[in-house]
């Protein structure tokens, strides 16, 4: 079984209702950032709106 030093701990956060877990052992705590250059060069294959978007926004469910 693992020793207590190798486990996550629960930390209280002052002024917050929720607690926070410490990072798990053996994990990378730095968040990954998306590559800005890859997004700029990628061609857009889908448009922001589709052919049925206006109709879908106008439709009202029967229970309204």
PDB file of N, CA and C in Angstrom:
ATOM      1  N   UNK A   1       0.841  -1.171   0.000  1.00  0.00           N
ATOM      2  CA  UNK A   1       0.000   0.000   0.000  1.00  0.00           C
ATOM      3  C   UNK A   1       0.888   1.235   0.000  1.00  0.00           C
ATOM      4  N   UNK A   2       0.414   2.353  -0.522  1.00  0.00           N
ATOM      5  CA  UNK A   2       1.234   3.556  -0.619  1.00  0.00           C
ATOM      6  C   UNK A   2       1.323   4.269   0.722  1.00  0.00           C
ATOM      7  N   UNK A   3       2.423   4.980   0.889  1.00  0.00           N
ATOM      8  CA  UNK A   3       2.612   5.730   2.127  1.00  0.00           C
ATOM      9  C   UNK A   3       1.774   7.010   2.094  1.00  0.00           C
ATOM     10  N   UNK A   4       1.484   7.599   3.237  1.00  0.00           N
ATOM     11  CA  UNK A   4       0.654   8.809   3.263  1.00  0.00           C
ATOM     12  C   UNK A   4       1.261   9.984   2.502  1.00  0.00           C
ATOM     13  N   UNK A   5       2.586  10.019   2.339  1.00  0.00           N
ATOM     14  CA  UNK A   5       3.225  11.117   1.621  1.00  0.00           C
ATOM     15  C   UNK A   5       2.955  11.053   0.117  1.00  0.00           C
ATOM     16  N   UNK A   6       2.619   9.877  -0.405  1.00  0.00           N
ATOM     17  CA  UNK A   6       2.423   9.699  -1.834  1.00  0.00           C
ATOM     18  C   UNK A   6       0.973   9.848  -2.262  1.00  0.00           C
ATOM     19  N   UNK A   7       0.097  10.224  -1.365  1.00  0.00           N
ATOM     20  CA  UNK A   7      -1.322  10.332  -1.681  1.00  0.00           C
ATOM     21  C   UNK A   7      -1.740  11.785  -1.831  1.00  0.00           C
ATOM     22  N   UNK A   8      -2.883  11.982  -2.475  1.00  0.00           N
ATOM     23  CA  UNK A   8      -3.461  13.315  -2.549  1.00  0.00           C
ATOM     24  C   UNK A   8      -4.022  13.683  -1.184  1.00  0.00           C
ATOM     25  N   UNK A   9      -3.980  14.961  -0.868  1.00  0.00           N
ATOM     26  CA  UNK A   9      -4.553  15.439   0.369  1.00  0.00           C
ATOM     27  C   UNK A   9      -5.645  16.457   0.055  1.00  0.00           C
ATOM     28  N   UNK A  10      -6.571  16.596   0.969  1.00  0.00           N
ATOM     29  CA  UNK A  10      -7.632  17.589   0.845  1.00  0.00           C
ATOM     30  C   UNK A  10      -7.173  18.836   1.583  1.00  0.00           C
ATOM     31  N   UNK A  11      -7.192  19.979   0.888  1.00  0.00           N
ATOM     32  CA  UNK A  11      -6.800  21.245   1.497  1.00  0.00           C
ATOM     33  C   UNK A  11      -8.018  22.139   1.599  1.00  0.00           C
ATOM     34  N   UNK A  12      -8.167  22.783   2.712  1.00  0.00           N
ATOM     35  CA  UNK A  12      -9.243  23.748   2.883  1.00  0.00           C
ATOM     36  C   UNK A  12      -8.849  25.047   2.201  1.00  0.00           C
ATOM     37  N   UNK A  13      -9.822  25.691   1.566  1.00  0.00           N
ATOM     38  CA  UNK A  13      -9.598  26.966   0.903  1.00  0.00           C
ATOM     39  C   UNK A  13     -10.341  28.025   1.706  1.00  0.00           C
ATOM     40  N   UNK A  14      -9.627  28.974   2.296  1.00  0.00           N
ATOM     41  CA  UNK A  14     -10.293  29.992   3.109  1.00  0.00           C
ATOM     42  C   UNK A  14     -11.281  30.810   2.268  1.00  0.00           C
ATOM     43  N   UNK A  15     -12.466  31.013   2.798  1.00  0.00           N
ATOM     44  CA  UNK A  15     -13.474  31.809   2.115  1.00  0.00           C
ATOM     45  C   UNK A  15     -14.224  31.066   1.029  1.00  0.00           C
ATOM     46  N   UNK A  16     -14.011  29.772   0.896  1.00  0.00           N
ATOM     47  CA  UNK A  16     -14.669  28.983  -0.129  1.00  0.00           C
ATOM     48  C   UNK A  16     -15.428  27.829   0.521  1.00  0.00           C
ATOM     49  N   UNK A  17     -16.503  27.422  -0.117  1.00  0.00           N
ATOM     50  CA  UNK A  17     -17.273  26.290   0.392  1.00  0.00           C
ATOM     51  C   UNK A  17     -16.661  24.965  -0.024  1.00  0.00           C
ATOM     52  N   UNK A  18     -15.832  24.986  -1.038  1.00  0.00           N
ATOM     53  CA  UNK A  18     -15.258  23.744  -1.560  1.00  0.00           C
ATOM     54  C   UNK A  18     -13.799  23.595  -1.149  1.00  0.00           C
ATOM     55  N   UNK A  19     -13.387  22.362  -1.026  1.00  0.00           N
ATOM     56  CA  UNK A  19     -12.001  22.055  -0.722  1.00  0.00           C
ATOM     57  C   UNK A  19     -11.257  21.794  -2.035  1.00  0.00           C
ATOM     58  N   UNK A  20      -9.948  21.684  -1.938  1.00  0.00           N
ATOM     59  CA  UNK A  20      -9.126  21.453  -3.126  1.00  0.00           C
ATOM     60  C   UNK A  20      -8.230  20.258  -2.862  1.00  0.00           C
ATOM     61  N   UNK A  21      -8.022  19.444  -3.883  1.00  0.00           N
ATOM     62  CA  UNK A  21      -7.111  18.302  -3.776  1.00  0.00           C
ATOM     63  C   UNK A  21      -5.723  18.725  -4.214  1.00  0.00           C
ATOM     64  N   UNK A  22      -4.720  18.201  -3.548  1.00  0.00           N
ATOM     65  CA  UNK A  22      -3.353  18.423  -4.000  1.00  0.00           C
ATOM     66  C   UNK A  22      -3.124  17.577  -5.247  1.00  0.00           C
ATOM     67  N   UNK A  23      -2.148  17.922  -6.072  1.00  0.00           N
ATOM     68  CA  UNK A  23      -1.892  17.127  -7.278  1.00  0.00           C
ATOM     69  C   UNK A  23      -1.533  15.678  -6.937  1.00  0.00           C
ATOM     70  N   UNK A  24      -1.971  14.775  -7.782  1.00  0.00           N
ATOM     71  CA  UNK A  24      -1.657  13.363  -7.588  1.00  0.00           C
ATOM     72  C   UNK A  24      -0.179  13.131  -7.874  1.00  0.00           C
ATOM     73  N   UNK A  25       0.443  12.221  -7.145  1.00  0.00           N
ATOM     74  CA  UNK A  25       1.856  11.952  -7.381  1.00  0.00           C
ATOM     75  C   UNK A  25       2.087  11.400  -8.785  1.00  0.00           C
ATOM     76  N   UNK A  26       3.139  11.884  -9.409  1.00  0.00           N
ATOM     77  CA  UNK A  26       3.493  11.401 -10.739  1.00  0.00           C
ATOM     78  C   UNK A  26       2.732  12.077 -11.864  1.00  0.00           C
ATOM     79  N   UNK A  27       2.003  13.154 -11.574  1.00  0.00           N
ATOM     80  CA  UNK A  27       1.262  13.858 -12.617  1.00  0.00           C
ATOM     81  C   UNK A  27       1.897  15.213 -12.878  1.00  0.00           C
ATOM     82  N   UNK A  28       1.632  15.752 -14.047  1.00  0.00           N
ATOM     83  CA  UNK A  28       2.124  17.063 -14.430  1.00  0.00           C
ATOM     84  C   UNK A  28       1.085  18.096 -14.008  1.00  0.00           C
ATOM     85  N   UNK A  29       1.465  19.042 -13.182  1.00  0.00           N
ATOM     86  CA  UNK A  29       0.502  20.009 -12.663  1.00  0.00           C
ATOM     87  C   UNK A  29       0.324  21.212 -13.578  1.00  0.00           C
ATOM     88  N   UNK A  30       1.181  21.374 -14.578  1.00  0.00           N
ATOM     89  CA  UNK A  30       1.061  22.504 -15.504  1.00  0.00           C
ATOM     90  C   UNK A  30      -0.013  22.198 -16.549  1.00  0.00           C
ATOM     91  N   UNK A  31      -0.982  23.099 -16.731  1.00  0.00           N
ATOM     92  CA  UNK A  31      -2.019  22.848 -17.740  1.00  0.00           C
ATOM     93  C   UNK A  31      -1.448  22.952 -19.147  1.00  0.00           C
ATOM     94  N   UNK A  32      -2.016  22.194 -20.045  1.00  0.00           N
ATOM     95  CA  UNK A  32      -1.577  22.263 -21.427  1.00  0.00           C
ATOM     96  C   UNK A  32      -2.200  23.477 -22.091  1.00  0.00           C
ATOM     97  N   UNK A  33      -1.417  24.168 -22.899  1.00  0.00           N
ATOM     98  CA  UNK A  33      -1.937  25.316 -23.631  1.00  0.00           C
ATOM     99  C   UNK A  33      -2.022  24.948 -25.099  1.00  0.00           C
ATOM    100  N   UNK A  34      -3.079  25.351 -25.781  1.00  0.00           N
ATOM    101  CA  UNK A  34      -3.185  25.041 -27.214  1.00  0.00           C
ATOM    102  C   UNK A  34      -2.139  25.824 -27.999  1.00  0.00           C
ATOM    103  N   UNK A  35      -1.689  25.220 -29.055  1.00  0.00           N
ATOM    104  CA  UNK A  35      -0.698  25.850 -29.913  1.00  0.00           C
ATOM    105  C   UNK A  35      -1.389  26.886 -30.790  1.00  0.00           C
ATOM    106  N   UNK A  36      -1.069  28.154 -30.625  1.00  0.00           N
ATOM    107  CA  UNK A  36      -1.731  29.238 -31.359  1.00  0.00           C
ATOM    108  C   UNK A  36      -1.403  29.177 -32.850  1.00  0.00           C
ATOM    109  N   UNK A  37      -0.185  28.760 -33.209  1.00  0.00           N
ATOM    110  CA  UNK A  37       0.193  28.700 -34.623  1.00  0.00           C
ATOM    111  C   UNK A  37      -0.573  27.613 -35.361  1.00  0.00           C
ATOM    112  N   UNK A  38      -0.864  26.506 -34.727  1.00  0.00           N
ATOM    113  CA  UNK A  38      -1.579  25.409 -35.380  1.00  0.00           C
ATOM    114  C   UNK A  38      -3.010  25.816 -35.700  1.00  0.00           C
ATOM    115  N   UNK A  39      -3.644  26.596 -34.825  1.00  0.00           N
ATOM    116  CA  UNK A  39      -5.016  27.025 -35.067  1.00  0.00           C
ATOM    117  C   UNK A  39      -5.113  28.032 -36.197  1.00  0.00           C
ATOM    118  N   UNK A  40      -4.121  28.879 -36.349  1.00  0.00           N
ATOM    119  CA  UNK A  40      -4.160  29.912 -37.379  1.00  0.00           C
ATOM    120  C   UNK A  40      -3.990  29.324 -38.778  1.00  0.00           C
ATOM    121  N   UNK A  41      -3.207  28.254 -38.902  1.00  0.00           N
ATOM    122  CA  UNK A  41      -2.943  27.674 -40.218  1.00  0.00           C
ATOM    123  C   UNK A  41      -3.996  26.650 -40.645  1.00  0.00           C
ATOM    124  N   UNK A  42      -4.788  26.164 -39.715  1.00  0.00           N
ATOM    125  CA  UNK A  42      -5.760  25.122 -40.034  1.00  0.00           C
ATOM    126  C   UNK A  42      -6.921  25.701 -40.834  1.00  0.00           C
ATOM    127  N   UNK A  43      -7.266  25.078 -41.960  1.00  0.00           N
ATOM    128  CA  UNK A  43      -8.407  25.574 -42.734  1.00  0.00           C
ATOM    129  C   UNK A  43      -9.714  25.252 -42.036  1.00  0.00           C
ATOM    130  N   UNK A  44     -10.658  26.138 -42.172  1.00  0.00           N
ATOM    131  CA  UNK A  44     -11.963  25.933 -41.548  1.00  0.00           C
ATOM    132  C   UNK A  44     -12.816  25.092 -42.480  1.00  0.00           C
ATOM    133  N   UNK A  45     -13.248  23.926 -41.995  1.00  0.00           N
ATOM    134  CA  UNK A  45     -14.064  23.041 -42.821  1.00  0.00           C
ATOM    135  C   UNK A  45     -15.545  23.206 -42.545  1.00  0.00           C
ATOM    136  N   UNK A  46     -15.903  23.829 -41.411  1.00  0.00           N
ATOM    137  CA  UNK A  46     -17.312  24.022 -41.106  1.00  0.00           C
ATOM    138  C   UNK A  46     -17.596  25.507 -40.921  1.00  0.00           C
ATOM    139  N   UNK A  47     -18.767  25.908 -41.318  1.00  0.00           N
ATOM    140  CA  UNK A  47     -19.137  27.302 -41.139  1.00  0.00           C
ATOM    141  C   UNK A  47     -19.784  27.482 -39.774  1.00  0.00           C
ATOM    142  N   UNK A  48     -19.956  28.717 -39.372  1.00  0.00           N
ATOM    143  CA  UNK A  48     -20.555  28.999 -38.071  1.00  0.00           C
ATOM    144  C   UNK A  48     -22.041  28.674 -38.058  1.00  0.00           C
ATOM    145  N   UNK A  49     -22.684  28.791 -39.197  1.00  0.00           N
ATOM    146  CA  UNK A  49     -24.118  28.495 -39.266  1.00  0.00           C
ATOM    147  C   UNK A  49     -24.362  27.461 -40.356  1.00  0.00           C
ATOM    148  N   UNK A  50     -25.391  26.688 -40.163  1.00  0.00           N
ATOM    149  CA  UNK A  50     -25.763  25.670 -41.130  1.00  0.00           C
ATOM    150  C   UNK A  50     -27.054  26.053 -41.818  1.00  0.00           C
ATOM    151  N   UNK A  51     -27.499  25.237 -42.761  1.00  0.00           N
ATOM    152  CA  UNK A  51     -28.699  25.572 -43.525  1.00  0.00           C
ATOM    153  C   UNK A  51     -29.981  25.537 -42.692  1.00  0.00           C
ATOM    154  N   UNK A  52     -29.998  24.800 -41.581  1.00  0.00           N
ATOM    155  CA  UNK A  52     -31.217  24.669 -40.786  1.00  0.00           C
ATOM    156  C   UNK A  52     -31.179  25.452 -39.472  1.00  0.00           C
ATOM    157  N   UNK A  53     -30.141  26.252 -39.242  1.00  0.00           N
ATOM    158  CA  UNK A  53     -30.013  26.951 -37.976  1.00  0.00           C
ATOM    159  C   UNK A  53     -31.163  27.913 -37.711  1.00  0.00           C
ATOM    160  N   UNK A  54     -31.595  28.674 -38.707  1.00  0.00           N
ATOM    161  CA  UNK A  54     -32.686  29.626 -38.501  1.00  0.00           C
ATOM    162  C   UNK A  54     -33.978  28.905 -38.113  1.00  0.00           C
ATOM    163  N   UNK A  55     -34.249  27.797 -38.772  1.00  0.00           N
ATOM    164  CA  UNK A  55     -35.468  27.045 -38.466  1.00  0.00           C
ATOM    165  C   UNK A  55     -35.402  26.448 -37.060  1.00  0.00           C
ATOM    166  N   UNK A  56     -34.230  25.917 -36.675  1.00  0.00           N
ATOM    167  CA  UNK A  56     -34.091  25.331 -35.346  1.00  0.00           C
ATOM    168  C   UNK A  56     -34.253  26.379 -34.247  1.00  0.00           C
ATOM    169  N   UNK A  57     -33.762  27.580 -34.482  1.00  0.00           N
ATOM    170  CA  UNK A  57     -33.901  28.641 -33.480  1.00  0.00           C
ATOM    171  C   UNK A  57     -35.341  29.137 -33.383  1.00  0.00           C
ATOM    172  N   UNK A  58     -36.092  29.079 -34.486  1.00  0.00           N
ATOM    173  CA  UNK A  58     -37.478  29.550 -34.490  1.00  0.00           C
ATOM    174  C   UNK A  58     -38.438  28.516 -33.940  1.00  0.00           C
ATOM    175  N   UNK A  59     -38.111  27.228 -34.028  1.00  0.00           N
ATOM    176  CA  UNK A  59     -38.995  26.191 -33.532  1.00  0.00           C
ATOM    177  C   UNK A  59     -39.188  26.295 -32.023  1.00  0.00           C
ATOM    178  N   UNK A  60     -40.407  26.075 -31.581  1.00  0.00           N
ATOM    179  CA  UNK A  60     -40.734  26.114 -30.162  1.00  0.00           C
ATOM    180  C   UNK A  60     -41.278  24.739 -29.779  1.00  0.00           C
ATOM    181  N   UNK A  61     -40.774  24.164 -28.697  1.00  0.00           N
ATOM    182  CA  UNK A  61     -41.274  22.872 -28.274  1.00  0.00           C
ATOM    183  C   UNK A  61     -42.768  22.934 -27.959  1.00  0.00           C
ATOM    184  N   UNK A  62     -43.495  21.829 -28.082  1.00  0.00           N
ATOM    185  CA  UNK A  62     -44.945  21.858 -27.884  1.00  0.00           C
ATOM    186  C   UNK A  62     -45.374  22.208 -26.461  1.00  0.00           C
ATOM    187  N   UNK A  63     -44.517  22.042 -25.479  1.00  0.00           N
ATOM    188  CA  UNK A  63     -44.939  22.324 -24.114  1.00  0.00           C
ATOM    189  C   UNK A  63     -44.794  23.798 -23.736  1.00  0.00           C
ATOM    190  N   UNK A  64     -44.353  24.662 -24.653  1.00  0.00           N
ATOM    191  CA  UNK A  64     -44.232  26.089 -24.357  1.00  0.00           C
ATOM    192  C   UNK A  64     -45.533  26.781 -24.577  1.00  0.00           C
TER     193      UNK A  64
END
